[in-house]
Amino acid sequence: MNKNYYEILQVNKNASPEIIEKAYKTLAKKYHPDLQTEENKKQSEEILKEINEAYEVLSIPEKKQKYDASLLEEEMISRTPPRKEDISSTNLSTILEEERKKQQALLQKQQLEYLYQQELAYQNQIQQARQKAYHDAYIQDLKNRGYKIHYKKTFKDYIKGFMTLFFTIVILFLLWQIPFIQNFFLNILQENQLLSMFFNS
């Protein structure tokens, strides 16, 4: 009897490759021998060995397809009640072959759906890239013609401007606390006052 790799990785049979990979990484980290106590290290090594074995099969589409077929065959044998017409090995082989074909067709359908979704996502990325390129080219053309481009400010832009002004004031205040800089500006103000008095007189 085959090991149930889905139960080992704690995922269902319809799990996507991404979910299988995520489950594998989580369990591999959880049962890594270096993270266990001495008394649990040997047990964790055995568990980790089964986890690696399960992921090696379920992460490769060809191996996963063969494993699913064999798993289905075992389930059919265990669930099929003994009947007179099913006692002959020929009838049983025919039933298992039909179920295997159905399983293969289902897997192929799932793979086609996955590829279709990937293609839609790829086409969407291409469309967004084209729209951005057209927009950038249009803006550049307006700039080349001498038009001024005014962008609508968002709330984030206002916050950024406020934070810039705030930090500028803080920095100027801290600089004013330095005696050298303070005396320098006070001397300039005194010289301006003397000059204004001289010219007024």
C-alpha atoms as a PDB file:
ATOM      1  CA  MET A   1       0.000   0.000   0.000  1.00  0.00           C
ATOM      2  CA  ASN A   2       1.354   3.414  -1.027  1.00  0.00           C
ATOM      3  CA  LYS A   3       1.969   6.119   1.527  1.00  0.00           C
ATOM      4  CA  ASN A   4      -0.519   8.963   1.412  1.00  0.00           C
ATOM      5  CA  TYR A   5       1.774  11.820   0.485  1.00  0.00           C
ATOM      6  CA  TYR A   6      -1.104  14.307   0.682  1.00  0.00           C
ATOM      7  CA  GLU A   7      -1.659  13.452   4.336  1.00  0.00           C
ATOM      8  CA  ILE A   8       2.076  13.692   5.013  1.00  0.00           C
ATOM      9  CA  LEU A   9       2.194  17.236   3.577  1.00  0.00           C
ATOM     10  CA  GLN A  10      -1.232  18.008   5.107  1.00  0.00           C
ATOM     11  CA  VAL A  11      -2.798  19.181   1.807  1.00  0.00           C
ATOM     12  CA  ASN A  12      -5.728  17.971  -0.263  1.00  0.00           C
ATOM     13  CA  LYS A  13      -5.526  16.259  -3.637  1.00  0.00           C
ATOM     14  CA  ASN A  14      -6.551  19.390  -5.552  1.00  0.00           C
ATOM     15  CA  ALA A  15      -3.845  21.580  -3.969  1.00  0.00           C
ATOM     16  CA  SER A  16      -1.922  23.785  -6.392  1.00  0.00           C
ATOM     17  CA  PRO A  17       1.877  23.482  -6.805  1.00  0.00           C
ATOM     18  CA  GLU A  18       2.308  26.709  -4.827  1.00  0.00           C
ATOM     19  CA  ILE A  19       0.332  25.361  -1.849  1.00  0.00           C
ATOM     20  CA  ILE A  20       2.268  22.062  -1.947  1.00  0.00           C
ATOM     21  CA  GLU A  21       5.580  23.932  -1.949  1.00  0.00           C
ATOM     22  CA  LYS A  22       4.478  26.206   0.898  1.00  0.00           C
ATOM     23  CA  ALA A  23       3.311  23.218   2.981  1.00  0.00           C
ATOM     24  CA  TYR A  24       6.612  21.428   2.336  1.00  0.00           C
ATOM     25  CA  LYS A  25       8.718  24.408   3.456  1.00  0.00           C
ATOM     26  CA  THR A  26       6.613  24.871   6.593  1.00  0.00           C
ATOM     27  CA  LEU A  27       6.834  21.212   7.628  1.00  0.00           C
ATOM     28  CA  ALA A  28      10.524  20.924   6.709  1.00  0.00           C
ATOM     29  CA  LYS A  29      11.300  23.858   8.962  1.00  0.00           C
ATOM     30  CA  LYS A  30       9.082  22.522  11.761  1.00  0.00           C
ATOM     31  CA  TYR A  31      10.676  19.044  11.821  1.00  0.00           C
ATOM     32  CA  HIS A  32      14.261  20.024  11.007  1.00  0.00           C
ATOM     33  CA  PRO A  33      16.570  17.964  13.285  1.00  0.00           C
ATOM     34  CA  ASP A  34      18.662  20.997  14.232  1.00  0.00           C
ATOM     35  CA  LEU A  35      15.600  22.597  15.832  1.00  0.00           C
ATOM     36  CA  GLN A  36      14.680  19.524  17.899  1.00  0.00           C
ATOM     37  CA  THR A  37      15.804  18.230  21.263  1.00  0.00           C
ATOM     38  CA  GLU A  38      18.103  15.221  21.443  1.00  0.00           C
ATOM     39  CA  GLU A  39      15.294  12.859  22.376  1.00  0.00           C
ATOM     40  CA  ASN A  40      13.111  13.975  19.442  1.00  0.00           C
ATOM     41  CA  LYS A  41      15.883  14.326  16.865  1.00  0.00           C
ATOM     42  CA  LYS A  42      15.687  10.730  15.559  1.00  0.00           C
ATOM     43  CA  GLN A  43      11.903  10.852  15.231  1.00  0.00           C
ATOM     44  CA  SER A  44      12.054  14.209  13.442  1.00  0.00           C
ATOM     45  CA  GLU A  45      14.607  12.785  10.985  1.00  0.00           C
ATOM     46  CA  GLU A  46      12.182   9.997  10.052  1.00  0.00           C
ATOM     47  CA  ILE A  47       9.323  12.468   9.649  1.00  0.00           C
ATOM     48  CA  LEU A  48      11.492  14.810   7.572  1.00  0.00           C
ATOM     49  CA  LYS A  49      12.510  11.880   5.364  1.00  0.00           C
ATOM     50  CA  GLU A  50       8.833  11.153   4.611  1.00  0.00           C
ATOM     51  CA  ILE A  51       8.168  14.862   3.974  1.00  0.00           C
ATOM     52  CA  ASN A  52      11.032  15.038   1.465  1.00  0.00           C
ATOM     53  CA  GLU A  53       9.838  11.833  -0.199  1.00  0.00           C
ATOM     54  CA  ALA A  54       6.288  13.183  -0.500  1.00  0.00           C
ATOM     55  CA  TYR A  55       7.416  16.526  -1.906  1.00  0.00           C
ATOM     56  CA  GLU A  56       9.734  14.848  -4.410  1.00  0.00           C
ATOM     57  CA  VAL A  57       6.739  13.019  -5.884  1.00  0.00           C
ATOM     58  CA  LEU A  58       4.053  15.725  -5.653  1.00  0.00           C
ATOM     59  CA  SER A  59       6.267  18.554  -6.926  1.00  0.00           C
ATOM     60  CA  ILE A  60       6.931  16.849 -10.274  1.00  0.00           C
ATOM     61  CA  PRO A  61       3.810  16.684 -12.518  1.00  0.00           C
ATOM     62  CA  GLU A  62       4.759  13.355 -14.154  1.00  0.00           C
ATOM     63  CA  LYS A  63       5.436  11.611 -10.832  1.00  0.00           C
ATOM     64  CA  LYS A  64       2.345  13.164  -9.284  1.00  0.00           C
ATOM     65  CA  GLN A  65       0.157  11.918 -12.122  1.00  0.00           C
ATOM     66  CA  LYS A  66       1.426   8.337 -11.754  1.00  0.00           C
ATOM     67  CA  TYR A  67       1.056   8.517  -7.973  1.00  0.00           C
ATOM     68  CA  ASP A  68      -2.533   9.820  -8.236  1.00  0.00           C
ATOM     69  CA  ALA A  69      -3.378   6.976 -10.600  1.00  0.00           C
ATOM     70  CA  SER A  70      -1.951   4.365  -8.242  1.00  0.00           C
ATOM     71  CA  LEU A  71      -3.688   5.984  -5.273  1.00  0.00           C
ATOM     72  CA  LEU A  72      -6.985   5.925  -7.130  1.00  0.00           C
ATOM     73  CA  GLU A  73      -6.470   2.271  -7.980  1.00  0.00           C
ATOM     74  CA  GLU A  74      -5.974   1.408  -4.325  1.00  0.00           C
ATOM     75  CA  GLU A  75      -9.064   3.410  -3.342  1.00  0.00           C
ATOM     76  CA  MET A  76     -11.141   1.611  -5.969  1.00  0.00           C
ATOM     77  CA  ILE A  77      -9.970  -1.780  -4.743  1.00  0.00           C
ATOM     78  CA  SER A  78     -10.757  -0.920  -1.127  1.00  0.00           C
ATOM     79  CA  ARG A  79     -14.179   0.602  -1.916  1.00  0.00           C
ATOM     80  CA  THR A  80     -15.409  -1.840  -4.549  1.00  0.00           C
ATOM     81  CA  PRO A  81     -17.709  -4.453  -2.948  1.00  0.00           C
ATOM     82  CA  PRO A  82     -17.101  -8.048  -4.025  1.00  0.00           C
ATOM     83  CA  ARG A  83     -19.643  -8.974  -6.677  1.00  0.00           C
ATOM     84  CA  LYS A  84     -19.819 -12.027  -8.918  1.00  0.00           C
ATOM     85  CA  GLU A  85     -19.426 -10.026 -12.098  1.00  0.00           C
ATOM     86  CA  ASP A  86     -16.370  -8.254 -10.652  1.00  0.00           C
ATOM     87  CA  ILE A  87     -14.549 -11.366  -9.429  1.00  0.00           C
ATOM     88  CA  SER A  88     -12.741 -11.926 -12.702  1.00  0.00           C
ATOM     89  CA  SER A  89      -9.467 -10.034 -13.040  1.00  0.00           C
ATOM     90  CA  THR A  90     -10.450  -8.953 -16.564  1.00  0.00           C
ATOM     91  CA  ASN A  91     -13.503  -6.988 -15.387  1.00  0.00           C
ATOM     92  CA  LEU A  92     -11.547  -5.439 -12.509  1.00  0.00           C
ATOM     93  CA  SER A  93      -8.737  -4.389 -14.840  1.00  0.00           C
ATOM     94  CA  THR A  94     -11.269  -2.798 -17.195  1.00  0.00           C
ATOM     95  CA  ILE A  95     -12.891  -0.820 -14.378  1.00  0.00           C
ATOM     96  CA  LEU A  96      -9.537   0.355 -13.060  1.00  0.00           C
ATOM     97  CA  GLU A  97      -8.421   1.350 -16.548  1.00  0.00           C
ATOM     98  CA  GLU A  98     -11.587   3.397 -17.074  1.00  0.00           C
ATOM     99  CA  GLU A  99     -11.133   5.120 -13.708  1.00  0.00           C
ATOM    100  CA  ARG A 100      -7.493   5.793 -14.522  1.00  0.00           C
ATOM    101  CA  LYS A 101      -8.490   7.400 -17.818  1.00  0.00           C
ATOM    102  CA  LYS A 102     -11.067   9.555 -16.026  1.00  0.00           C
ATOM    103  CA  GLN A 103      -8.421  10.630 -13.506  1.00  0.00           C
ATOM    104  CA  GLN A 104      -5.967  11.454 -16.272  1.00  0.00           C
ATOM    105  CA  ALA A 105      -8.611  13.466 -18.114  1.00  0.00           C
ATOM    106  CA  LEU A 106      -9.391  15.372 -14.912  1.00  0.00           C
ATOM    107  CA  LEU A 107      -5.698  16.092 -14.334  1.00  0.00           C
ATOM    108  CA  GLN A 108      -5.258  17.266 -17.908  1.00  0.00           C
ATOM    109  CA  LYS A 109      -8.285  19.544 -17.518  1.00  0.00           C
ATOM    110  CA  GLN A 110      -6.825  21.033 -14.328  1.00  0.00           C
ATOM    111  CA  GLN A 111      -3.476  21.555 -16.026  1.00  0.00           C
ATOM    112  CA  LEU A 112      -5.153  23.280 -18.984  1.00  0.00           C
ATOM    113  CA  GLU A 113      -7.114  25.537 -16.639  1.00  0.00           C
ATOM    114  CA  TYR A 114      -3.906  26.409 -14.787  1.00  0.00           C
ATOM    115  CA  LEU A 115      -2.113  27.211 -18.057  1.00  0.00           C
ATOM    116  CA  TYR A 116      -5.113  29.289 -19.174  1.00  0.00           C
ATOM    117  CA  GLN A 117      -4.988  31.336 -15.962  1.00  0.00           C
ATOM    118  CA  GLN A 118      -1.244  31.806 -16.398  1.00  0.00           C
ATOM    119  CA  GLU A 119      -1.798  32.985 -19.968  1.00  0.00           C
ATOM    120  CA  LEU A 120      -4.469  35.471 -18.837  1.00  0.00           C
ATOM    121  CA  ALA A 121      -2.130  36.862 -16.171  1.00  0.00           C
ATOM    122  CA  TYR A 122       0.670  37.164 -18.736  1.00  0.00           C
ATOM    123  CA  GLN A 123      -1.565  38.953 -21.237  1.00  0.00           C
ATOM    124  CA  ASN A 124      -2.743  41.300 -18.469  1.00  0.00           C
ATOM    125  CA  GLN A 125       0.867  42.169 -17.617  1.00  0.00           C
ATOM    126  CA  ILE A 126       1.612  42.854 -21.279  1.00  0.00           C
ATOM    127  CA  GLN A 127      -1.474  45.099 -21.554  1.00  0.00           C
ATOM    128  CA  GLN A 128      -0.478  47.071 -18.459  1.00  0.00           C
ATOM    129  CA  ALA A 129       3.072  47.474 -19.759  1.00  0.00           C
ATOM    130  CA  ARG A 130       1.756  48.739 -23.102  1.00  0.00           C
ATOM    131  CA  GLN A 131      -0.588  51.213 -21.432  1.00  0.00           C
ATOM    132  CA  LYS A 132       2.250  52.545 -19.290  1.00  0.00           C
ATOM    133  CA  ALA A 133       4.542  52.837 -22.318  1.00  0.00           C
ATOM    134  CA  TYR A 134       1.833  54.711 -24.289  1.00  0.00           C
ATOM    135  CA  HIS A 135       1.206  57.017 -21.332  1.00  0.00           C
ATOM    136  CA  ASP A 136       4.915  57.761 -20.841  1.00  0.00           C
ATOM    137  CA  ALA A 137       5.370  58.412 -24.567  1.00  0.00           C
ATOM    138  CA  TYR A 138       2.355  60.746 -24.594  1.00  0.00           C
ATOM    139  CA  ILE A 139       3.652  62.707 -21.581  1.00  0.00           C
ATOM    140  CA  GLN A 140       7.121  62.950 -23.126  1.00  0.00           C
ATOM    141  CA  ASP A 141       5.610  64.215 -26.388  1.00  0.00           C
ATOM    142  CA  LEU A 142       3.707  66.941 -24.515  1.00  0.00           C
ATOM    143  CA  LYS A 143       6.891  67.955 -22.704  1.00  0.00           C
ATOM    144  CA  ASN A 144       8.773  68.139 -26.018  1.00  0.00           C
ATOM    145  CA  ARG A 145       6.084  70.473 -27.370  1.00  0.00           C
ATOM    146  CA  GLY A 146       6.526  72.771 -24.400  1.00  0.00           C
ATOM    147  CA  TYR A 147       3.410  71.867 -22.425  1.00  0.00           C
ATOM    148  CA  LYS A 148       3.598  71.935 -18.651  1.00  0.00           C
ATOM    149  CA  ILE A 149       2.332  68.770 -17.049  1.00  0.00           C
ATOM    150  CA  HIS A 150       0.399  69.235 -13.832  1.00  0.00           C
ATOM    151  CA  TYR A 151      -0.140  66.096 -11.790  1.00  0.00           C
ATOM    152  CA  LYS A 152      -3.042  65.866  -9.406  1.00  0.00           C
ATOM    153  CA  LYS A 153      -1.672  65.681  -5.892  1.00  0.00           C
ATOM    154  CA  THR A 154      -2.850  62.881  -3.683  1.00  0.00           C
ATOM    155  CA  PHE A 155      -3.198  62.775   0.081  1.00  0.00           C
ATOM    156  CA  LYS A 156       0.115  60.920   0.187  1.00  0.00           C
ATOM    157  CA  ASP A 157       1.811  63.813  -1.626  1.00  0.00           C
ATOM    158  CA  TYR A 158       0.450  66.310   0.920  1.00  0.00           C
ATOM    159  CA  ILE A 159       1.688  64.173   3.795  1.00  0.00           C
ATOM    160  CA  LYS A 160       5.120  63.924   2.160  1.00  0.00           C
ATOM    161  CA  GLY A 161       5.275  67.721   1.731  1.00  0.00           C
ATOM    162  CA  PHE A 162       4.212  68.286   5.331  1.00  0.00           C
ATOM    163  CA  MET A 163       6.846  65.872   6.640  1.00  0.00           C
ATOM    164  CA  THR A 164       9.532  67.568   4.510  1.00  0.00           C
ATOM    165  CA  LEU A 165       8.570  70.994   5.896  1.00  0.00           C
ATOM    166  CA  PHE A 166       8.462  69.645   9.451  1.00  0.00           C
ATOM    167  CA  PHE A 167      11.929  68.077   9.275  1.00  0.00           C
ATOM    168  CA  THR A 168      13.320  71.225   7.623  1.00  0.00           C
ATOM    169  CA  ILE A 169      12.053  73.344  10.530  1.00  0.00           C
ATOM    170  CA  VAL A 170      13.464  70.868  13.065  1.00  0.00           C
ATOM    171  CA  ILE A 171      16.872  70.884  11.372  1.00  0.00           C
ATOM    172  CA  LEU A 172      16.951  74.706  11.241  1.00  0.00           C
ATOM    173  CA  PHE A 173      15.974  74.856  14.918  1.00  0.00           C
ATOM    174  CA  LEU A 174      18.764  72.439  15.859  1.00  0.00           C
ATOM    175  CA  LEU A 175      21.277  74.413  13.791  1.00  0.00           C
ATOM    176  CA  TRP A 176      20.200  77.605  15.576  1.00  0.00           C
ATOM    177  CA  GLN A 177      21.231  76.009  18.867  1.00  0.00           C
ATOM    178  CA  ILE A 178      24.879  75.954  17.726  1.00  0.00           C
ATOM    179  CA  PRO A 179      26.565  79.096  19.160  1.00  0.00           C
ATOM    180  CA  PHE A 180      28.777  79.667  16.117  1.00  0.00           C
ATOM    181  CA  ILE A 181      25.835  79.767  13.709  1.00  0.00           C
ATOM    182  CA  GLN A 182      23.754  81.854  16.104  1.00  0.00           C
ATOM    183  CA  ASN A 183      26.545  84.459  16.486  1.00  0.00           C
ATOM    184  CA  PHE A 184      27.112  84.494  12.737  1.00  0.00           C
ATOM    185  CA  PHE A 185      23.517  85.446  11.950  1.00  0.00           C
ATOM    186  CA  LEU A 186      23.357  87.930  14.839  1.00  0.00           C
ATOM    187  CA  ASN A 187      26.469  89.666  13.497  1.00  0.00           C
ATOM    188  CA  ILE A 188      24.869  89.873  10.052  1.00  0.00           C
ATOM    189  CA  LEU A 189      21.731  91.429  11.572  1.00  0.00           C
ATOM    190  CA  GLN A 190      23.827  93.965  13.511  1.00  0.00           C
ATOM    191  CA  GLU A 191      25.794  94.899  10.404  1.00  0.00           C
ATOM    192  CA  ASN A 192      22.542  95.370   8.464  1.00  0.00           C
ATOM    193  CA  GLN A 193      21.213  97.624  11.211  1.00  0.00           C
ATOM    194  CA  LEU A 194      24.412  99.735  11.162  1.00  0.00           C
ATOM    195  CA  LEU A 195      24.286 100.004   7.392  1.00  0.00           C
ATOM    196  CA  SER A 196      20.642 101.077   7.431  1.00  0.00           C
ATOM    197  CA  MET A 197      21.409 103.687  10.099  1.00  0.00           C
ATOM    198  CA  PHE A 198      24.360 104.976   8.057  1.00  0.00           C
ATOM    199  CA  PHE A 199      22.379 105.311   4.852  1.00  0.00           C
ATOM    200  CA  ASN A 200      19.364 106.851   6.612  1.00  0.00           C
ATOM    201  CA  SER A 201      21.549 109.471   8.177  1.00  0.00           C
END
